[in-house]
C-alpha atoms as a PDB file:
ATOM      1  CA  MET A   1     176.241  89.170 165.188  1.00  0.00           C
ATOM      2  CA  ASN A   2     179.459  87.275 164.468  1.00  0.00           C
ATOM      3  CA  ALA A   3     179.934  87.158 160.584  1.00  0.00           C
ATOM      4  CA  GLN A   4     182.755  85.060 159.024  1.00  0.00           C
ATOM      5  CA  GLY A   5     183.886  85.201 155.619  1.00  0.00           C
ATOM      6  CA  VAL A   6     186.833  84.257 153.351  1.00  0.00           C
ATOM      7  CA  ALA A   7     188.037  86.783 150.356  1.00  0.00           C
ATOM      8  CA  TRP A   8     190.308  85.598 147.767  1.00  0.00           C
ATOM      9  CA  LEU A   9     192.074  87.550 145.004  1.00  0.00           C
ATOM     10  CA  TYR A  10     191.983  85.974 141.651  1.00  0.00           C
ATOM     11  CA  ALA A  11     194.022  88.425 139.617  1.00  0.00           C
ATOM     12  CA  ASP A  12     196.375  91.205 140.208  1.00  0.00           C
ATOM     13  CA  HIS A  13     194.793  94.605 139.776  1.00  0.00           C
ATOM     14  CA  GLY A  14     195.524  98.327 139.818  1.00  0.00           C
ATOM     15  CA  ALA A  15     196.105 100.034 143.124  1.00  0.00           C
ATOM     16  CA  ASP A  16     196.687 103.533 144.474  1.00  0.00           C
ATOM     17  CA  ARG A  17     199.951 102.862 146.015  1.00  0.00           C
ATOM     18  CA  ASN A  18     203.725 101.902 144.677  1.00  0.00           C
ATOM     19  CA  TYR A  19     205.060  98.539 145.789  1.00  0.00           C
ATOM     20  CA  ARG A  20     208.799  98.622 146.646  1.00  0.00           C
ATOM     21  CA  ASN A  21     210.967  96.598 143.924  1.00  0.00           C
ATOM     22  CA  SER A  22     208.035  96.106 141.729  1.00  0.00           C
ATOM     23  CA  PRO A  23     208.412  96.541 137.853  1.00  0.00           C
ATOM     24  CA  LEU A  24     204.946  97.477 137.664  1.00  0.00           C
ATOM     25  CA  GLN A  25     203.806 100.536 139.627  1.00  0.00           C
ATOM     26  CA  ASN A  26     200.387 100.816 140.975  1.00  0.00           C
ATOM     27  CA  VAL A  27     199.682  97.104 140.864  1.00  0.00           C
ATOM     28  CA  ASN A  28     198.483  94.919 143.800  1.00  0.00           C
ATOM     29  CA  ALA A  29     200.303  91.822 142.772  1.00  0.00           C
ATOM     30  CA  LYS A  30     198.486  89.360 145.505  1.00  0.00           C
ATOM     31  CA  GLY A  31     196.491  87.635 142.770  1.00  0.00           C
ATOM     32  CA  TRP A  32     196.689  83.775 142.053  1.00  0.00           C
ATOM     33  CA  VAL A  33     197.141  85.200 138.422  1.00  0.00           C
ATOM     34  CA  ASP A  34     198.821  88.203 137.316  1.00  0.00           C
ATOM     35  CA  LEU A  35     197.602  91.153 135.715  1.00  0.00           C
ATOM     36  CA  TYR A  36     197.614  89.401 132.272  1.00  0.00           C
ATOM     37  CA  ARG A  37     195.800  86.186 133.739  1.00  0.00           C
ATOM     38  CA  ILE A  38     199.194  84.206 133.747  1.00  0.00           C
ATOM     39  CA  PRO A  39     198.836  81.695 136.500  1.00  0.00           C
ATOM     40  CA  LYS A  40     201.060  81.608 139.676  1.00  0.00           C
ATOM     41  CA  TYR A  41     201.764  78.485 141.798  1.00  0.00           C
ATOM     42  CA  MET A  42     198.596  79.343 143.874  1.00  0.00           C
ATOM     43  CA  TYR A  43     196.447  79.122 140.770  1.00  0.00           C
ATOM     44  CA  TYR A  44     197.396  75.135 140.579  1.00  0.00           C
ATOM     45  CA  LEU A  45     196.650  74.838 144.223  1.00  0.00           C
ATOM     46  CA  TRP A  46     193.310  76.313 143.582  1.00  0.00           C
ATOM     47  CA  GLN A  47     192.879  73.926 140.566  1.00  0.00           C
ATOM     48  CA  ALA A  48     194.015  70.824 142.689  1.00  0.00           C
ATOM     49  CA  ASN A  49     191.279  71.550 145.013  1.00  0.00           C
ATOM     50  CA  TRP A  50     188.451  72.466 142.654  1.00  0.00           C
ATOM     51  CA  LEU A  51     189.089  71.265 139.284  1.00  0.00           C
ATOM     52  CA  GLU A  52     187.063  68.222 138.250  1.00  0.00           C
ATOM     53  CA  ARG A  53     189.445  67.276 135.116  1.00  0.00           C
ATOM     54  CA  PRO A  54     192.439  65.316 136.420  1.00  0.00           C
ATOM     55  CA  MET A  55     195.611  67.601 136.999  1.00  0.00           C
ATOM     56  CA  ILE A  56     199.111  67.663 138.538  1.00  0.00           C
ATOM     57  CA  TYR A  57     201.506  70.358 138.808  1.00  0.00           C
ATOM     58  CA  VAL A  58     205.295  70.037 139.942  1.00  0.00           C
ATOM     59  CA  ARG A  59     206.402  73.218 141.274  1.00  0.00           C
ATOM     60  CA  PRO A  60     209.495  73.986 139.328  1.00  0.00           C
ATOM     61  CA  PHE A  61     211.222  76.820 141.467  1.00  0.00           C
ATOM     62  CA  TYR A  62     214.260  74.724 142.514  1.00  0.00           C
ATOM     63  CA  TRP A  63     214.610  72.949 139.148  1.00  0.00           C
ATOM     64  CA  GLN A  64     217.254  75.437 138.086  1.00  0.00           C
ATOM     65  CA  ASN A  65     221.035  75.131 137.154  1.00  0.00           C
ATOM     66  CA  GLN A  66     221.738  77.474 140.395  1.00  0.00           C
ATOM     67  CA  PHE A  67     220.587  74.544 142.610  1.00  0.00           C
ATOM     68  CA  VAL A  68     222.303  71.439 140.923  1.00  0.00           C
ATOM     69  CA  GLY A  69     223.969  69.324 143.708  1.00  0.00           C
ATOM     70  CA  GLN A  70     221.739  70.621 146.324  1.00  0.00           C
ATOM     71  CA  LEU A  71     218.993  68.653 147.993  1.00  0.00           C
ATOM     72  CA  ARG A  72     215.720  70.931 147.975  1.00  0.00           C
ATOM     73  CA  PRO A  73     211.959  70.488 148.567  1.00  0.00           C
ATOM     74  CA  ILE A  74     209.832  69.924 145.621  1.00  0.00           C
ATOM     75  CA  GLN A  75     205.918  70.490 146.117  1.00  0.00           C
ATOM     76  CA  VAL A  76     203.286  68.773 144.044  1.00  0.00           C
ATOM     77  CA  ASP A  77     199.790  69.770 143.664  1.00  0.00           C
ATOM     78  CA  SER A  78     197.180  67.232 142.171  1.00  0.00           C
ATOM     79  CA  ASN A  79     193.540  66.322 142.733  1.00  0.00           C
ATOM     80  CA  GLY A  80     194.337  62.637 142.312  1.00  0.00           C
ATOM     81  CA  ASP A  81     194.411  60.410 145.325  1.00  0.00           C
ATOM     82  CA  GLU A  82     198.136  59.699 145.136  1.00  0.00           C
ATOM     83  CA  VAL A  83     201.286  61.182 143.097  1.00  0.00           C
ATOM     84  CA  GLU A  84     204.680  59.895 142.279  1.00  0.00           C
ATOM     85  CA  LEU A  85     207.624  61.843 141.723  1.00  0.00           C
ATOM     86  CA  PHE A  86     210.559  60.960 139.365  1.00  0.00           C
ATOM     87  CA  VAL A  87     214.125  62.552 139.023  1.00  0.00           C
ATOM     88  CA  ASN A  88     215.627  61.363 135.601  1.00  0.00           C
ATOM     89  CA  GLY A  89     213.302  58.248 135.668  1.00  0.00           C
ATOM     90  CA  ILE A  90     214.177  57.525 139.385  1.00  0.00           C
ATOM     91  CA  SER A  91     211.092  57.092 141.544  1.00  0.00           C
ATOM     92  CA  LEU A  92     211.055  59.188 144.838  1.00  0.00           C
ATOM     93  CA  GLY A  93     207.920  57.131 145.835  1.00  0.00           C
ATOM     94  CA  ARG A  94     204.317  57.775 145.901  1.00  0.00           C
ATOM     95  CA  LYS A  95     202.384  59.921 148.631  1.00  0.00           C
ATOM     96  CA  SER A  96     198.701  60.462 149.192  1.00  0.00           C
ATOM     97  CA  VAL A  97     197.006  63.664 148.431  1.00  0.00           C
ATOM     98  CA  ASN A  98     193.728  64.671 150.050  1.00  0.00           C
ATOM     99  CA  THR A  99     191.689  67.282 151.509  1.00  0.00           C
ATOM    100  CA  ALA A 100     193.574  67.008 154.872  1.00  0.00           C
ATOM    101  CA  ASN A 101     196.758  68.100 153.068  1.00  0.00           C
ATOM    102  CA  PHE A 102     195.061  70.574 150.787  1.00  0.00           C
ATOM    103  CA  GLN A 103     195.823  68.337 147.720  1.00  0.00           C
ATOM    104  CA  THR A 104     199.527  69.167 148.147  1.00  0.00           C
ATOM    105  CA  VAL A 105     202.456  66.948 149.033  1.00  0.00           C
ATOM    106  CA  GLU A 106     206.136  67.906 149.662  1.00  0.00           C
ATOM    107  CA  TYR A 107     208.889  65.897 148.708  1.00  0.00           C
ATOM    108  CA  LEU A 108     211.945  66.819 150.774  1.00  0.00           C
ATOM    109  CA  ASP A 109     215.768  66.482 149.977  1.00  0.00           C
ATOM    110  CA  VAL A 110     214.978  66.013 146.201  1.00  0.00           C
ATOM    111  CA  PRO A 111     218.605  65.917 144.437  1.00  0.00           C
ATOM    112  CA  VAL A 112     218.708  68.614 142.039  1.00  0.00           C
ATOM    113  CA  GLN A 113     220.568  67.465 138.804  1.00  0.00           C
ATOM    114  CA  PRO A 114     220.456  68.258 135.265  1.00  0.00           C
ATOM    115  CA  GLY A 115     217.652  66.387 133.260  1.00  0.00           C
ATOM    116  CA  VAL A 116     214.022  65.853 133.905  1.00  0.00           C
ATOM    117  CA  ILE A 117     211.714  65.893 137.000  1.00  0.00           C
ATOM    118  CA  GLU A 118     208.385  64.320 136.376  1.00  0.00           C
ATOM    119  CA  GLY A 119     205.082  64.078 138.327  1.00  0.00           C
ATOM    120  CA  ILE A 120     202.362  61.305 137.781  1.00  0.00           C
ATOM    121  CA  ALA A 121     198.819  61.656 139.501  1.00  0.00           C
ATOM    122  CA  PHE A 122     196.992  58.471 140.200  1.00  0.00           C
ATOM    123  CA  LYS A 123     193.416  57.700 141.013  1.00  0.00           C
ATOM    124  CA  SER A 124     192.332  54.315 142.321  1.00  0.00           C
ATOM    125  CA  GLY A 125     195.798  53.164 141.168  1.00  0.00           C
ATOM    126  CA  VAL A 126     195.536  54.156 137.654  1.00  0.00           C
ATOM    127  CA  GLU A 127     197.365  56.985 136.051  1.00  0.00           C
ATOM    128  CA  VAL A 128     195.168  60.220 135.264  1.00  0.00           C
ATOM    129  CA  ALA A 129     197.649  63.053 134.624  1.00  0.00           C
ATOM    130  CA  ARG A 130     201.393  63.600 134.181  1.00  0.00           C
ATOM    131  CA  GLN A 131     203.674  66.660 134.043  1.00  0.00           C
ATOM    132  CA  GLN A 132     207.246  67.133 133.543  1.00  0.00           C
ATOM    133  CA  TRP A 133     209.888  69.971 133.447  1.00  0.00           C
ATOM    134  CA  THR A 134     213.196  69.697 131.743  1.00  0.00           C
ATOM    135  CA  MET A 135     216.163  71.650 133.584  1.00  0.00           C
ATOM    136  CA  PRO A 136     217.005  74.469 131.293  1.00  0.00           C
ATOM    137  CA  GLY A 137     220.412  75.637 130.254  1.00  0.00           C
ATOM    138  CA  PRO A 138     221.571  79.127 130.183  1.00  0.00           C
ATOM    139  CA  ALA A 139     219.304  81.819 128.850  1.00  0.00           C
ATOM    140  CA  ALA A 140     219.791  82.057 125.250  1.00  0.00           C
ATOM    141  CA  ALA A 141     216.774  84.080 123.757  1.00  0.00           C
ATOM    142  CA  VAL A 142     213.442  85.881 124.588  1.00  0.00           C
ATOM    143  CA  GLN A 143     210.597  84.204 123.077  1.00  0.00           C
ATOM    144  CA  LEU A 144     207.574  86.405 122.136  1.00  0.00           C
ATOM    145  CA  ARG A 145     203.937  85.113 121.875  1.00  0.00           C
ATOM    146  CA  ALA A 146     201.307  87.594 120.763  1.00  0.00           C
ATOM    147  CA  SER A 147     197.565  87.110 121.636  1.00  0.00           C
ATOM    148  CA  HIS A 148     196.455  88.123 118.202  1.00  0.00           C
ATOM    149  CA  ALA A 149     198.124  87.925 114.793  1.00  0.00           C
ATOM    150  CA  SER A 150     196.263  91.506 113.809  1.00  0.00           C
ATOM    151  CA  MET A 151     194.748  94.242 115.531  1.00  0.00           C
ATOM    152  CA  PRO A 152     191.769  96.356 114.389  1.00  0.00           C
ATOM    153  CA  ALA A 153     192.252 100.201 114.050  1.00  0.00           C
ATOM    154  CA  GLY A 154     190.968 102.076 116.784  1.00  0.00           C
ATOM    155  CA  ARG A 155     191.290 102.734 120.588  1.00  0.00           C
ATOM    156  CA  HIS A 156     189.673  99.198 121.173  1.00  0.00           C
ATOM    157  CA  GLY A 157     192.691  97.385 119.545  1.00  0.00           C
ATOM    158  CA  LEU A 158     194.872  95.555 121.924  1.00  0.00           C
ATOM    159  CA  ILE A 159     197.684  92.805 121.502  1.00  0.00           C
ATOM    160  CA  GLU A 160     199.028  91.273 124.503  1.00  0.00           C
ATOM    161  CA  VAL A 161     202.728  90.130 124.094  1.00  0.00           C
ATOM    162  CA  ILE A 162     204.062  87.465 126.400  1.00  0.00           C
ATOM    163  CA  ALA A 163     207.861  87.304 126.655  1.00  0.00           C
ATOM    164  CA  THR A 164     209.401  84.097 128.083  1.00  0.00           C
ATOM    165  CA  ILE A 165     213.228  83.854 128.436  1.00  0.00           C
ATOM    166  CA  VAL A 166     214.362  80.480 127.215  1.00  0.00           C
ATOM    167  CA  ASP A 167     217.566  78.404 126.735  1.00  0.00           C
ATOM    168  CA  ALA A 168     218.828  76.970 123.423  1.00  0.00           C
ATOM    169  CA  ASP A 169     216.300  74.460 123.414  1.00  0.00           C
ATOM    170  CA  GLY A 170     213.264  76.529 124.298  1.00  0.00           C
ATOM    171  CA  HIS A 171     212.972  75.595 127.817  1.00  0.00           C
ATOM    172  CA  PRO A 172     211.845  78.404 129.902  1.00  0.00           C
ATOM    173  CA  VAL A 173     214.691  79.847 132.231  1.00  0.00           C
ATOM    174  CA  LEU A 174     212.808  80.606 135.504  1.00  0.00           C
ATOM    175  CA  GLY A 175     215.844  82.185 137.190  1.00  0.00           C
ATOM    176  CA  ALA A 176     217.021  84.533 134.472  1.00  0.00           C
ATOM    177  CA  ARG A 177     217.128  88.136 135.333  1.00  0.00           C
ATOM    178  CA  PRO A 178     218.336  90.096 132.412  1.00  0.00           C
ATOM    179  CA  ASP A 179     217.044  93.643 131.784  1.00  0.00           C
ATOM    180  CA  LEU A 180     214.572  93.819 129.090  1.00  0.00           C
ATOM    181  CA  HIS A 181     213.855  97.116 127.022  1.00  0.00           C
ATOM    182  CA  TRP A 182     210.693  97.466 125.144  1.00  0.00           C
ATOM    183  CA  SER A 183     209.600  99.896 122.546  1.00  0.00           C
ATOM    184  CA  VAL A 184     207.130  99.959 119.693  1.00  0.00           C
ATOM    185  CA  GLU A 185     207.252 101.309 116.413  1.00  0.00           C
ATOM    186  CA  GLY A 186     204.208 102.875 114.187  1.00  0.00           C
ATOM    187  CA  ALA A 187     200.498 103.775 115.427  1.00  0.00           C
ATOM    188  CA  ALA A 188     200.827 101.907 118.779  1.00  0.00           C
ATOM    189  CA  THR A 189     201.420 102.754 122.339  1.00  0.00           C
ATOM    190  CA  LEU A 190     203.397 100.693 124.848  1.00  0.00           C
ATOM    191  CA  VAL A 191     201.220  99.759 127.825  1.00  0.00           C
ATOM    192  CA  GLY A 192     203.493  98.924 130.865  1.00  0.00           C
ATOM    193  CA  PRO A 193     207.127  99.875 131.666  1.00  0.00           C
ATOM    194  CA  ALA A 194     209.658 100.466 128.917  1.00  0.00           C
ATOM    195  CA  LEU A 195     212.411  98.746 131.001  1.00  0.00           C
ATOM    196  CA  TRP A 196     211.719  95.629 133.074  1.00  0.00           C
ATOM    197  CA  THR A 197     214.464  95.075 135.378  1.00  0.00           C
ATOM    198  CA  ARG A 198     215.046  92.791 138.510  1.00  0.00           C
END
């Protein structure tokens, strides 16, 4: 009997091995979301192929200061039937998205320049979703967001704190690589590494 199947890994998970250059040891990092359920690029590809609500996601990897002045490919995921990409308000044209290209298109030789990159998704010629990224300036702060404002006493108490490196205007700085040192005070335990380094 010949059996075929497809397996996909939704979330990063614990593993009995250490991965080289990984800040989190004993974690298999092949998931579509990370250990804390923060989406990776594959998550938006999954949405584009399966989500019923209209969506578009412009992958922002090259929209960083280090690539200014270069021509770079930008990928766009959407469950619309067409997408249009803009750089600082200038259209780079519309492209069709469908199951043949897995609901993803690529714009080649996109001029990377300070400002805004924006994608608009269309269905039957009508705009259904849009998304934009503003190119960040230099890293200026670490922005913390807590999952809860308070925590019950006991072993079941857990607060997830998400750190985002941002510029002076609060835009996420994807390429920032400072070492982050973590500590807690009081009756709490730090779960994860005390030093996050790249």
